[in-house]
Amino acid sequence: MKFITDENLGIQIPKYLKDLGLDVISAIEVALNKPDSDILDIANKENRILLTMDKDFGELVFKEKLVHFGVILLRLKDESVENKKKVLLRAIKSGKNFKRKFTRIRD
């Protein structure tokens, strides 16, 4: 699986995922301050699953019917970097197929 992390996940999360050997780019690197629709477009063009904490992507996918390769929306009570790492690692290791799905993950 290939991923793109939204700006709201910062720089530590994509670095952590890269260190695990995953193919990850960050919106901070490739689309800083771009609209959410542009980030979704990049994800689609590169067959990447979007990792985000931004509920606005749900609106783009469900209300505006924008095509997506996959979205994982983190809804966390504990938004610390360590918890984000733990939750994402558990999701990725779960073996679930996130392609073409909008997935909400809670802690």
PDB file of N, CA and C in Angstrom:
ATOM      1  N   MET A   1       0.837  -1.184   0.000  1.00  0.00           N
ATOM      2  CA  MET A   1       0.000   0.000   0.000  1.00  0.00           C
ATOM      3  C   MET A   1       0.878   1.243   0.000  1.00  0.00           C
ATOM      4  N   LYS A   2       0.399   2.238  -0.721  1.00  0.00           N
ATOM      5  CA  LYS A   2       1.065   3.535  -0.751  1.00  0.00           C
ATOM      6  C   LYS A   2       0.152   4.543  -0.054  1.00  0.00           C
ATOM      7  N   PHE A   3       0.779   5.513   0.612  1.00  0.00           N
ATOM      8  CA  PHE A   3       0.018   6.473   1.398  1.00  0.00           C
ATOM      9  C   PHE A   3       0.455   7.899   1.110  1.00  0.00           C
ATOM     10  N   ILE A   4      -0.458   8.828   1.397  1.00  0.00           N
ATOM     11  CA  ILE A   4      -0.136  10.248   1.486  1.00  0.00           C
ATOM     12  C   ILE A   4      -0.725  10.730   2.800  1.00  0.00           C
ATOM     13  N   THR A   5       0.068  11.439   3.584  1.00  0.00           N
ATOM     14  CA  THR A   5      -0.420  11.965   4.852  1.00  0.00           C
ATOM     15  C   THR A   5      -0.837  13.420   4.674  1.00  0.00           C
ATOM     16  N   ASP A   6      -1.947  13.768   5.255  1.00  0.00           N
ATOM     17  CA  ASP A   6      -2.436  15.138   5.237  1.00  0.00           C
ATOM     18  C   ASP A   6      -1.536  15.998   6.133  1.00  0.00           C
ATOM     19  N   GLU A   7      -1.579  17.297   5.909  1.00  0.00           N
ATOM     20  CA  GLU A   7      -0.759  18.222   6.697  1.00  0.00           C
ATOM     21  C   GLU A   7      -1.013  18.086   8.194  1.00  0.00           C
ATOM     22  N   ASN A   8      -2.259  17.761   8.577  1.00  0.00           N
ATOM     23  CA  ASN A   8      -2.596  17.732   9.997  1.00  0.00           C
ATOM     24  C   ASN A   8      -1.937  16.575  10.750  1.00  0.00           C
ATOM     25  N   LEU A   9      -1.271  15.675  10.042  1.00  0.00           N
ATOM     26  CA  LEU A   9      -0.522  14.609  10.718  1.00  0.00           C
ATOM     27  C   LEU A   9       0.936  15.011  10.961  1.00  0.00           C
ATOM     28  N   GLY A  10       1.306  16.212  10.525  1.00  0.00           N
ATOM     29  CA  GLY A  10       2.642  16.721  10.801  1.00  0.00           C
ATOM     30  C   GLY A  10       3.729  16.010  10.011  1.00  0.00           C
ATOM     31  N   ILE A  11       4.974  16.140  10.492  1.00  0.00           N
ATOM     32  CA  ILE A  11       6.113  15.544   9.787  1.00  0.00           C
ATOM     33  C   ILE A  11       6.599  14.255  10.447  1.00  0.00           C
ATOM     34  N   GLN A  12       6.253  14.052  11.707  1.00  0.00           N
ATOM     35  CA  GLN A  12       6.737  12.857  12.404  1.00  0.00           C
ATOM     36  C   GLN A  12       6.040  11.582  11.944  1.00  0.00           C
ATOM     37  N   ILE A  13       4.764  11.670  11.614  1.00  0.00           N
ATOM     38  CA  ILE A  13       4.014  10.475  11.208  1.00  0.00           C
ATOM     39  C   ILE A  13       4.510   9.930   9.865  1.00  0.00           C
ATOM     40  N   PRO A  14       4.640  10.760   8.825  1.00  0.00           N
ATOM     41  CA  PRO A  14       5.163  10.185   7.578  1.00  0.00           C
ATOM     42  C   PRO A  14       6.581   9.640   7.731  1.00  0.00           C
ATOM     43  N   LYS A  15       7.396  10.297   8.537  1.00  0.00           N
ATOM     44  CA  LYS A  15       8.756   9.798   8.770  1.00  0.00           C
ATOM     45  C   LYS A  15       8.707   8.427   9.442  1.00  0.00           C
ATOM     46  N   TYR A  16       7.862   8.288  10.442  1.00  0.00           N
ATOM     47  CA  TYR A  16       7.700   7.016  11.145  1.00  0.00           C
ATOM     48  C   TYR A  16       7.272   5.910  10.177  1.00  0.00           C
ATOM     49  N   LEU A  17       6.283   6.206   9.338  1.00  0.00           N
ATOM     50  CA  LEU A  17       5.793   5.208   8.391  1.00  0.00           C
ATOM     51  C   LEU A  17       6.859   4.850   7.351  1.00  0.00           C
ATOM     52  N   LYS A  18       7.630   5.844   6.919  1.00  0.00           N
ATOM     53  CA  LYS A  18       8.740   5.572   5.994  1.00  0.00           C
ATOM     54  C   LYS A  18       9.779   4.676   6.660  1.00  0.00           C
ATOM     55  N   ASP A  19      10.066   4.953   7.924  1.00  0.00           N
ATOM     56  CA  ASP A  19      11.032   4.133   8.671  1.00  0.00           C
ATOM     57  C   ASP A  19      10.572   2.685   8.796  1.00  0.00           C
ATOM     58  N   LEU A  20       9.253   2.455   8.718  1.00  0.00           N
ATOM     59  CA  LEU A  20       8.714   1.097   8.742  1.00  0.00           C
ATOM     60  C   LEU A  20       8.814   0.429   7.367  1.00  0.00           C
ATOM     61  N   GLY A  21       9.288   1.193   6.377  1.00  0.00           N
ATOM     62  CA  GLY A  21       9.450   0.649   5.034  1.00  0.00           C
ATOM     63  C   GLY A  21       8.271   0.884   4.110  1.00  0.00           C
ATOM     64  N   LEU A  22       7.335   1.728   4.533  1.00  0.00           N
ATOM     65  CA  LEU A  22       6.156   2.004   3.714  1.00  0.00           C
ATOM     66  C   LEU A  22       6.433   3.123   2.718  1.00  0.00           C
ATOM     67  N   ASP A  23       5.721   3.091   1.611  1.00  0.00           N
ATOM     68  CA  ASP A  23       5.812   4.121   0.579  1.00  0.00           C
ATOM     69  C   ASP A  23       4.874   5.254   0.977  1.00  0.00           C
ATOM     70  N   VAL A  24       5.439   6.333   1.495  1.00  0.00           N
ATOM     71  CA  VAL A  24       4.648   7.433   2.047  1.00  0.00           C
ATOM     72  C   VAL A  24       5.189   8.765   1.554  1.00  0.00           C
ATOM     73  N   ILE A  25       4.275   9.635   1.148  1.00  0.00           N
ATOM     74  CA  ILE A  25       4.624  11.030   0.906  1.00  0.00           C
ATOM     75  C   ILE A  25       3.734  11.875   1.810  1.00  0.00           C
ATOM     76  N   SER A  26       4.157  13.098   2.033  1.00  0.00           N
ATOM     77  CA  SER A  26       3.415  13.992   2.907  1.00  0.00           C
ATOM     78  C   SER A  26       2.882  15.180   2.105  1.00  0.00           C
ATOM     79  N   ALA A  27       1.655  15.575   2.396  1.00  0.00           N
ATOM     80  CA  ALA A  27       1.103  16.770   1.763  1.00  0.00           C
ATOM     81  C   ALA A  27       1.955  17.989   2.099  1.00  0.00           C
ATOM     82  N   ILE A  28       2.647  17.961   3.216  1.00  0.00           N
ATOM     83  CA  ILE A  28       3.540  19.064   3.574  1.00  0.00           C
ATOM     84  C   ILE A  28       4.644  19.200   2.532  1.00  0.00           C
ATOM     85  N   GLU A  29       5.093  18.078   1.987  1.00  0.00           N
ATOM     86  CA  GLU A  29       6.167  18.085   0.987  1.00  0.00           C
ATOM     87  C   GLU A  29       5.650  18.388  -0.421  1.00  0.00           C
ATOM     88  N   VAL A  30       4.469  17.881  -0.755  1.00  0.00           N
ATOM     89  CA  VAL A  30       4.028  17.947  -2.153  1.00  0.00           C
ATOM     90  C   VAL A  30       2.836  18.857  -2.406  1.00  0.00           C
ATOM     91  N   ALA A  31       2.147  19.305  -1.364  1.00  0.00           N
ATOM     92  CA  ALA A  31       0.933  20.108  -1.580  1.00  0.00           C
ATOM     93  C   ALA A  31       0.668  21.053  -0.410  1.00  0.00           C
ATOM     94  N   LEU A  32       1.704  21.667   0.111  1.00  0.00           N
ATOM     95  CA  LEU A  32       1.555  22.546   1.273  1.00  0.00           C
ATOM     96  C   LEU A  32       0.562  23.669   0.977  1.00  0.00           C
ATOM     97  N   ASN A  33      -0.403  23.806   1.858  1.00  0.00           N
ATOM     98  CA  ASN A  33      -1.438  24.848   1.775  1.00  0.00           C
ATOM     99  C   ASN A  33      -2.338  24.740   0.549  1.00  0.00           C
ATOM    100  N   LYS A  34      -2.361  23.584  -0.080  1.00  0.00           N
ATOM    101  CA  LYS A  34      -3.256  23.359  -1.219  1.00  0.00           C
ATOM    102  C   LYS A  34      -4.627  22.940  -0.688  1.00  0.00           C
ATOM    103  N   PRO A  35      -5.657  23.150  -1.481  1.00  0.00           N
ATOM    104  CA  PRO A  35      -6.997  22.711  -1.056  1.00  0.00           C
ATOM    105  C   PRO A  35      -7.057  21.193  -0.885  1.00  0.00           C
ATOM    106  N   ASP A  36      -7.969  20.751  -0.038  1.00  0.00           N
ATOM    107  CA  ASP A  36      -8.136  19.318   0.199  1.00  0.00           C
ATOM    108  C   ASP A  36      -8.404  18.552  -1.089  1.00  0.00           C
ATOM    109  N   SER A  37      -9.149  19.161  -1.999  1.00  0.00           N
ATOM    110  CA  SER A  37      -9.447  18.486  -3.266  1.00  0.00           C
ATOM    111  C   SER A  37      -8.174  18.207  -4.066  1.00  0.00           C
ATOM    112  N   ASP A  38      -7.184  19.082  -3.967  1.00  0.00           N
ATOM    113  CA  ASP A  38      -5.904  18.858  -4.655  1.00  0.00           C
ATOM    114  C   ASP A  38      -5.151  17.679  -4.035  1.00  0.00           C
ATOM    115  N   ILE A  39      -5.210  17.576  -2.714  1.00  0.00           N
ATOM    116  CA  ILE A  39      -4.545  16.459  -2.027  1.00  0.00           C
ATOM    117  C   ILE A  39      -5.215  15.143  -2.421  1.00  0.00           C
ATOM    118  N   LEU A  40      -6.528  15.145  -2.480  1.00  0.00           N
ATOM    119  CA  LEU A  40      -7.259  13.951  -2.905  1.00  0.00           C
ATOM    120  C   LEU A  40      -6.906  13.590  -4.351  1.00  0.00           C
ATOM    121  N   ASP A  41      -6.740  14.597  -5.192  1.00  0.00           N
ATOM    122  CA  ASP A  41      -6.371  14.374  -6.586  1.00  0.00           C
ATOM    123  C   ASP A  41      -4.981  13.746  -6.702  1.00  0.00           C
ATOM    124  N   ILE A  42      -4.030  14.232  -5.919  1.00  0.00           N
ATOM    125  CA  ILE A  42      -2.683  13.650  -5.908  1.00  0.00           C
ATOM    126  C   ILE A  42      -2.753  12.192  -5.467  1.00  0.00           C
ATOM    127  N   ALA A  43      -3.512  11.937  -4.419  1.00  0.00           N
ATOM    128  CA  ALA A  43      -3.661  10.562  -3.927  1.00  0.00           C
ATOM    129  C   ALA A  43      -4.217   9.658  -5.024  1.00  0.00           C
ATOM    130  N   ASN A  44      -5.205  10.137  -5.742  1.00  0.00           N
ATOM    131  CA  ASN A  44      -5.808   9.348  -6.822  1.00  0.00           C
ATOM    132  C   ASN A  44      -4.821   9.071  -7.943  1.00  0.00           C
ATOM    133  N   LYS A  45      -4.142  10.110  -8.391  1.00  0.00           N
ATOM    134  CA  LYS A  45      -3.208   9.971  -9.511  1.00  0.00           C
ATOM    135  C   LYS A  45      -2.078   9.004  -9.190  1.00  0.00           C
ATOM    136  N   GLU A  46      -1.681   8.950  -7.917  1.00  0.00           N
ATOM    137  CA  GLU A  46      -0.550   8.107  -7.515  1.00  0.00           C
ATOM    138  C   GLU A  46      -0.997   6.828  -6.812  1.00  0.00           C
ATOM    139  N   ASN A  47      -2.305   6.545  -6.817  1.00  0.00           N
ATOM    140  CA  ASN A  47      -2.848   5.350  -6.149  1.00  0.00           C
ATOM    141  C   ASN A  47      -2.393   5.254  -4.695  1.00  0.00           C
ATOM    142  N   ARG A  48      -2.598   6.343  -3.974  1.00  0.00           N
ATOM    143  CA  ARG A  48      -2.217   6.417  -2.566  1.00  0.00           C
ATOM    144  C   ARG A  48      -3.452   6.538  -1.690  1.00  0.00           C
ATOM    145  N   ILE A  49      -3.395   5.914  -0.547  1.00  0.00           N
ATOM    146  CA  ILE A  49      -4.455   6.031   0.452  1.00  0.00           C
ATOM    147  C   ILE A  49      -4.140   7.252   1.308  1.00  0.00           C
ATOM    148  N   LEU A  50      -5.124   8.109   1.473  1.00  0.00           N
ATOM    149  CA  LEU A  50      -4.950   9.334   2.244  1.00  0.00           C
ATOM    150  C   LEU A  50      -5.147   9.058   3.727  1.00  0.00           C
ATOM    151  N   LEU A  51      -4.193   9.484   4.526  1.00  0.00           N
ATOM    152  CA  LEU A  51      -4.281   9.420   5.987  1.00  0.00           C
ATOM    153  C   LEU A  51      -4.530  10.841   6.489  1.00  0.00           C
ATOM    154  N   THR A  52      -5.596  11.041   7.252  1.00  0.00           N
ATOM    155  CA  THR A  52      -5.959  12.386   7.675  1.00  0.00           C
ATOM    156  C   THR A  52      -6.715  12.375   8.993  1.00  0.00           C
ATOM    157  N   MET A  53      -6.805  13.553   9.591  1.00  0.00           N
ATOM    158  CA  MET A  53      -7.666  13.770  10.750  1.00  0.00           C
ATOM    159  C   MET A  53      -8.747  14.801  10.412  1.00  0.00           C
ATOM    160  N   ASP A  54      -8.816  15.171   9.150  1.00  0.00           N
ATOM    161  CA  ASP A  54      -9.687  16.244   8.673  1.00  0.00           C
ATOM    162  C   ASP A  54     -11.013  15.685   8.161  1.00  0.00           C
ATOM    163  N   LYS A  55     -12.096  15.980   8.871  1.00  0.00           N
ATOM    164  CA  LYS A  55     -13.425  15.499   8.493  1.00  0.00           C
ATOM    165  C   LYS A  55     -13.903  16.073   7.163  1.00  0.00           C
ATOM    166  N   ASP A  56     -13.293  17.153   6.704  1.00  0.00           N
ATOM    167  CA  ASP A  56     -13.708  17.757   5.436  1.00  0.00           C
ATOM    168  C   ASP A  56     -13.578  16.780   4.270  1.00  0.00           C
ATOM    169  N   PHE A  57     -12.676  15.807   4.388  1.00  0.00           N
ATOM    170  CA  PHE A  57     -12.540  14.830   3.313  1.00  0.00           C
ATOM    171  C   PHE A  57     -13.798  13.961   3.205  1.00  0.00           C
ATOM    172  N   GLY A  58     -14.482  13.760   4.305  1.00  0.00           N
ATOM    173  CA  GLY A  58     -15.748  13.037   4.262  1.00  0.00           C
ATOM    174  C   GLY A  58     -16.776  13.784   3.431  1.00  0.00           C
ATOM    175  N   GLU A  59     -16.780  15.088   3.574  1.00  0.00           N
ATOM    176  CA  GLU A  59     -17.689  15.912   2.779  1.00  0.00           C
ATOM    177  C   GLU A  59     -17.346  15.830   1.292  1.00  0.00           C
ATOM    178  N   LEU A  60     -16.052  15.868   0.987  1.00  0.00           N
ATOM    179  CA  LEU A  60     -15.633  15.769  -0.416  1.00  0.00           C
ATOM    180  C   LEU A  60     -16.031  14.429  -1.020  1.00  0.00           C
ATOM    181  N   VAL A  61     -15.885  13.378  -0.247  1.00  0.00           N
ATOM    182  CA  VAL A  61     -16.168  12.030  -0.749  1.00  0.00           C
ATOM    183  C   VAL A  61     -17.671  11.752  -0.802  1.00  0.00           C
ATOM    184  N   PHE A  62     -18.398  12.084   0.247  1.00  0.00           N
ATOM    185  CA  PHE A  62     -19.803  11.701   0.323  1.00  0.00           C
ATOM    186  C   PHE A  62     -20.771  12.743  -0.237  1.00  0.00           C
ATOM    187  N   LYS A  63     -20.511  14.012  -0.003  1.00  0.00           N
ATOM    188  CA  LYS A  63     -21.431  15.042  -0.499  1.00  0.00           C
ATOM    189  C   LYS A  63     -21.093  15.473  -1.922  1.00  0.00           C
ATOM    190  N   GLU A  64     -19.795  15.694  -2.166  1.00  0.00           N
ATOM    191  CA  GLU A  64     -19.390  16.158  -3.491  1.00  0.00           C
ATOM    192  C   GLU A  64     -19.067  15.007  -4.437  1.00  0.00           C
ATOM    193  N   LYS A  65     -19.074  13.794  -3.899  1.00  0.00           N
ATOM    194  CA  LYS A  65     -18.872  12.579  -4.697  1.00  0.00           C
ATOM    195  C   LYS A  65     -17.527  12.556  -5.437  1.00  0.00           C
ATOM    196  N   LEU A  66     -16.488  13.140  -4.833  1.00  0.00           N
ATOM    197  CA  LEU A  66     -15.168  13.088  -5.453  1.00  0.00           C
ATOM    198  C   LEU A  66     -14.615  11.669  -5.359  1.00  0.00           C
ATOM    199  N   VAL A  67     -13.981  11.258  -6.421  1.00  0.00           N
ATOM    200  CA  VAL A  67     -13.380   9.929  -6.483  1.00  0.00           C
ATOM    201  C   VAL A  67     -12.174   9.900  -5.564  1.00  0.00           C
ATOM    202  N   HIS A  68     -11.953   8.755  -4.923  1.00  0.00           N
ATOM    203  CA  HIS A  68     -10.793   8.617  -4.047  1.00  0.00           C
ATOM    204  C   HIS A  68     -10.231   7.212  -4.167  1.00  0.00           C
ATOM    205  N   PHE A  69      -8.936   7.084  -3.914  1.00  0.00           N
ATOM    206  CA  PHE A  69      -8.298   5.769  -3.933  1.00  0.00           C
ATOM    207  C   PHE A  69      -8.447   5.071  -2.591  1.00  0.00           C
ATOM    208  N   GLY A  70      -8.744   5.850  -1.579  1.00  0.00           N
ATOM    209  CA  GLY A  70      -8.916   5.341  -0.227  1.00  0.00           C
ATOM    210  C   GLY A  70      -8.615   6.451   0.763  1.00  0.00           C
ATOM    211  N   VAL A  71      -9.403   6.522   1.812  1.00  0.00           N
ATOM    212  CA  VAL A  71      -9.207   7.530   2.853  1.00  0.00           C
ATOM    213  C   VAL A  71      -9.301   6.835   4.202  1.00  0.00           C
ATOM    214  N   ILE A  72      -8.321   7.112   5.056  1.00  0.00           N
ATOM    215  CA  ILE A  72      -8.391   6.679   6.450  1.00  0.00           C
ATOM    216  C   ILE A  72      -8.485   7.947   7.295  1.00  0.00           C
ATOM    217  N   LEU A  73      -9.633   8.109   7.935  1.00  0.00           N
ATOM    218  CA  LEU A  73      -9.889   9.272   8.783  1.00  0.00           C
ATOM    219  C   LEU A  73      -9.674   8.861  10.230  1.00  0.00           C
ATOM    220  N   LEU A  74      -8.704   9.475  10.874  1.00  0.00           N
ATOM    221  CA  LEU A  74      -8.437   9.201  12.287  1.00  0.00           C
ATOM    222  C   LEU A  74      -9.291  10.118  13.147  1.00  0.00           C
ATOM    223  N   ARG A  75     -10.068   9.530  14.036  1.00  0.00           N
ATOM    224  CA  ARG A  75     -10.874  10.280  14.998  1.00  0.00           C
ATOM    225  C   ARG A  75     -10.392   9.863  16.378  1.00  0.00           C
ATOM    226  N   LEU A  76      -9.440  10.597  16.903  1.00  0.00           N
ATOM    227  CA  LEU A  76      -8.740  10.190  18.121  1.00  0.00           C
ATOM    228  C   LEU A  76      -9.040  11.118  19.285  1.00  0.00           C
ATOM    229  N   LYS A  77      -9.251  10.527  20.452  1.00  0.00           N
ATOM    230  CA  LYS A  77      -9.350  11.317  21.684  1.00  0.00           C
ATOM    231  C   LYS A  77      -7.966  11.784  22.087  1.00  0.00           C
ATOM    232  N   ASP A  78      -6.987  10.883  21.970  1.00  0.00           N
ATOM    233  CA  ASP A  78      -5.592  11.187  22.278  1.00  0.00           C
ATOM    234  C   ASP A  78      -4.881  11.469  20.963  1.00  0.00           C
ATOM    235  N   GLU A  79      -4.626  12.748  20.681  1.00  0.00           N
ATOM    236  CA  GLU A  79      -4.015  13.148  19.418  1.00  0.00           C
ATOM    237  C   GLU A  79      -2.490  13.258  19.497  1.00  0.00           C
ATOM    238  N   SER A  80      -1.900  12.630  20.496  1.00  0.00           N
ATOM    239  CA  SER A  80      -0.441  12.671  20.609  1.00  0.00           C
ATOM    240  C   SER A  80       0.187  11.901  19.447  1.00  0.00           C
ATOM    241  N   VAL A  81       1.413  12.257  19.121  1.00  0.00           N
ATOM    242  CA  VAL A  81       2.139  11.586  18.040  1.00  0.00           C
ATOM    243  C   VAL A  81       2.255  10.099  18.335  1.00  0.00           C
ATOM    244  N   GLU A  82       2.548   9.751  19.568  1.00  0.00           N
ATOM    245  CA  GLU A  82       2.709   8.331  19.921  1.00  0.00           C
ATOM    246  C   GLU A  82       1.420   7.549  19.711  1.00  0.00           C
ATOM    247  N   ASN A  83       0.280   8.141  20.062  1.00  0.00           N
ATOM    248  CA  ASN A  83      -0.978   7.445  19.849  1.00  0.00           C
ATOM    249  C   ASN A  83      -1.294   7.320  18.362  1.00  0.00           C
ATOM    250  N   LYS A  84      -1.021   8.361  17.597  1.00  0.00           N
ATOM    251  CA  LYS A  84      -1.233   8.278  16.143  1.00  0.00           C
ATOM    252  C   LYS A  84      -0.403   7.140  15.555  1.00  0.00           C
ATOM    253  N   LYS A  85       0.847   7.041  15.979  1.00  0.00           N
ATOM    254  CA  LYS A  85       1.721   5.962  15.500  1.00  0.00           C
ATOM    255  C   LYS A  85       1.121   4.598  15.840  1.00  0.00           C
ATOM    256  N   LYS A  86       0.689   4.447  17.080  1.00  0.00           N
ATOM    257  CA  LYS A  86       0.145   3.175  17.555  1.00  0.00           C
ATOM    258  C   LYS A  86      -1.110   2.788  16.772  1.00  0.00           C
ATOM    259  N   VAL A  87      -2.014   3.738  16.606  1.00  0.00           N
ATOM    260  CA  VAL A  87      -3.276   3.478  15.920  1.00  0.00           C
ATOM    261  C   VAL A  87      -3.033   3.146  14.443  1.00  0.00           C
ATOM    262  N   LEU A  88      -2.162   3.902  13.792  1.00  0.00           N
ATOM    263  CA  LEU A  88      -1.875   3.639  12.381  1.00  0.00           C
ATOM    264  C   LEU A  88      -1.173   2.306  12.181  1.00  0.00           C
ATOM    265  N   LEU A  89      -0.229   1.997  13.041  1.00  0.00           N
ATOM    266  CA  LEU A  89       0.475   0.713  12.926  1.00  0.00           C
ATOM    267  C   LEU A  89      -0.507  -0.443  13.075  1.00  0.00           C
ATOM    268  N   ARG A  90      -1.401  -0.348  14.041  1.00  0.00           N
ATOM    269  CA  ARG A  90      -2.408  -1.395  14.249  1.00  0.00           C
ATOM    270  C   ARG A  90      -3.299  -1.538  13.006  1.00  0.00           C
ATOM    271  N   ALA A  91      -3.702  -0.426  12.427  1.00  0.00           N
ATOM    272  CA  ALA A  91      -4.567  -0.467  11.241  1.00  0.00           C
ATOM    273  C   ALA A  91      -3.848  -1.088  10.055  1.00  0.00           C
ATOM    274  N   ILE A  92      -2.618  -0.682   9.842  1.00  0.00           N
ATOM    275  CA  ILE A  92      -1.859  -1.183   8.698  1.00  0.00           C
ATOM    276  C   ILE A  92      -1.547  -2.667   8.854  1.00  0.00           C
ATOM    277  N   LYS A  93      -1.207  -3.071  10.066  1.00  0.00           N
ATOM    278  CA  LYS A  93      -0.894  -4.482  10.320  1.00  0.00           C
ATOM    279  C   LYS A  93      -2.135  -5.367  10.324  1.00  0.00           C
ATOM    280  N   SER A  94      -3.314  -4.763  10.379  1.00  0.00           N
ATOM    281  CA  SER A  94      -4.551  -5.550  10.458  1.00  0.00           C
ATOM    282  C   SER A  94      -4.811  -6.373   9.197  1.00  0.00           C
ATOM    283  N   GLY A  95      -4.172  -5.984   8.105  1.00  0.00           N
ATOM    284  CA  GLY A  95      -4.375  -6.696   6.849  1.00  0.00           C
ATOM    285  C   GLY A  95      -5.630  -6.269   6.103  1.00  0.00           C
ATOM    286  N   LYS A  96      -6.346  -5.297   6.632  1.00  0.00           N
ATOM    287  CA  LYS A  96      -7.561  -4.819   5.965  1.00  0.00           C
ATOM    288  C   LYS A  96      -7.203  -4.141   4.643  1.00  0.00           C
ATOM    289  N   ASN A  97      -8.116  -4.245   3.723  1.00  0.00           N
ATOM    290  CA  ASN A  97      -7.948  -3.587   2.437  1.00  0.00           C
ATOM    291  C   ASN A  97      -8.610  -2.204   2.520  1.00  0.00           C
ATOM    292  N   PHE A  98      -7.818  -1.162   2.440  1.00  0.00           N
ATOM    293  CA  PHE A  98      -8.337   0.203   2.543  1.00  0.00           C
ATOM    294  C   PHE A  98      -8.561   0.847   1.181  1.00  0.00           C
ATOM    295  N   LYS A  99      -8.217   0.144   0.113  1.00  0.00           N
ATOM    296  CA  LYS A  99      -8.343   0.705  -1.227  1.00  0.00           C
ATOM    297  C   LYS A  99      -9.801   0.927  -1.580  1.00  0.00           C
ATOM    298  N   ARG A 100     -10.063   2.139  -2.099  1.00  0.00           N
ATOM    299  CA  ARG A 100     -11.401   2.534  -2.549  1.00  0.00           C
ATOM    300  C   ARG A 100     -12.447   2.545  -1.429  1.00  0.00           C
ATOM    301  N   LYS A 101     -11.971   2.647  -0.175  1.00  0.00           N
ATOM    302  CA  LYS A 101     -12.880   2.690   0.969  1.00  0.00           C
ATOM    303  C   LYS A 101     -12.608   3.950   1.786  1.00  0.00           C
ATOM    304  N   PHE A 102     -13.645   4.429   2.431  1.00  0.00           N
ATOM    305  CA  PHE A 102     -13.502   5.527   3.392  1.00  0.00           C
ATOM    306  C   PHE A 102     -13.615   4.874   4.765  1.00  0.00           C
ATOM    307  N   THR A 103     -12.530   4.885   5.502  1.00  0.00           N
ATOM    308  CA  THR A 103     -12.461   4.174   6.773  1.00  0.00           C
ATOM    309  C   THR A 103     -12.240   5.150   7.920  1.00  0.00           C
ATOM    310  N   ARG A 104     -13.097   5.083   8.930  1.00  0.00           N
ATOM    311  CA  ARG A 104     -12.905   5.872  10.151  1.00  0.00           C
ATOM    312  C   ARG A 104     -12.261   4.966  11.188  1.00  0.00           C
ATOM    313  N   ILE A 105     -11.204   5.480  11.810  1.00  0.00           N
ATOM    314  CA  ILE A 105     -10.532   4.709  12.860  1.00  0.00           C
ATOM    315  C   ILE A 105     -10.525   5.541  14.134  1.00  0.00           C
ATOM    316  N   ARG A 106     -10.950   4.900  15.204  1.00  0.00           N
ATOM    317  CA  ARG A 106     -10.988   5.561  16.521  1.00  0.00           C
ATOM    318  C   ARG A 106      -9.980   4.854  17.448  1.00  0.00           C
ATOM    319  N   ASP A 107      -9.590   5.585  18.496  1.00  0.00           N
ATOM    320  CA  ASP A 107      -8.704   4.965  19.483  1.00  0.00           C
ATOM    321  C   ASP A 107      -9.491   4.480  20.679  1.00  0.00           C
TER     322      ASP A 107
END
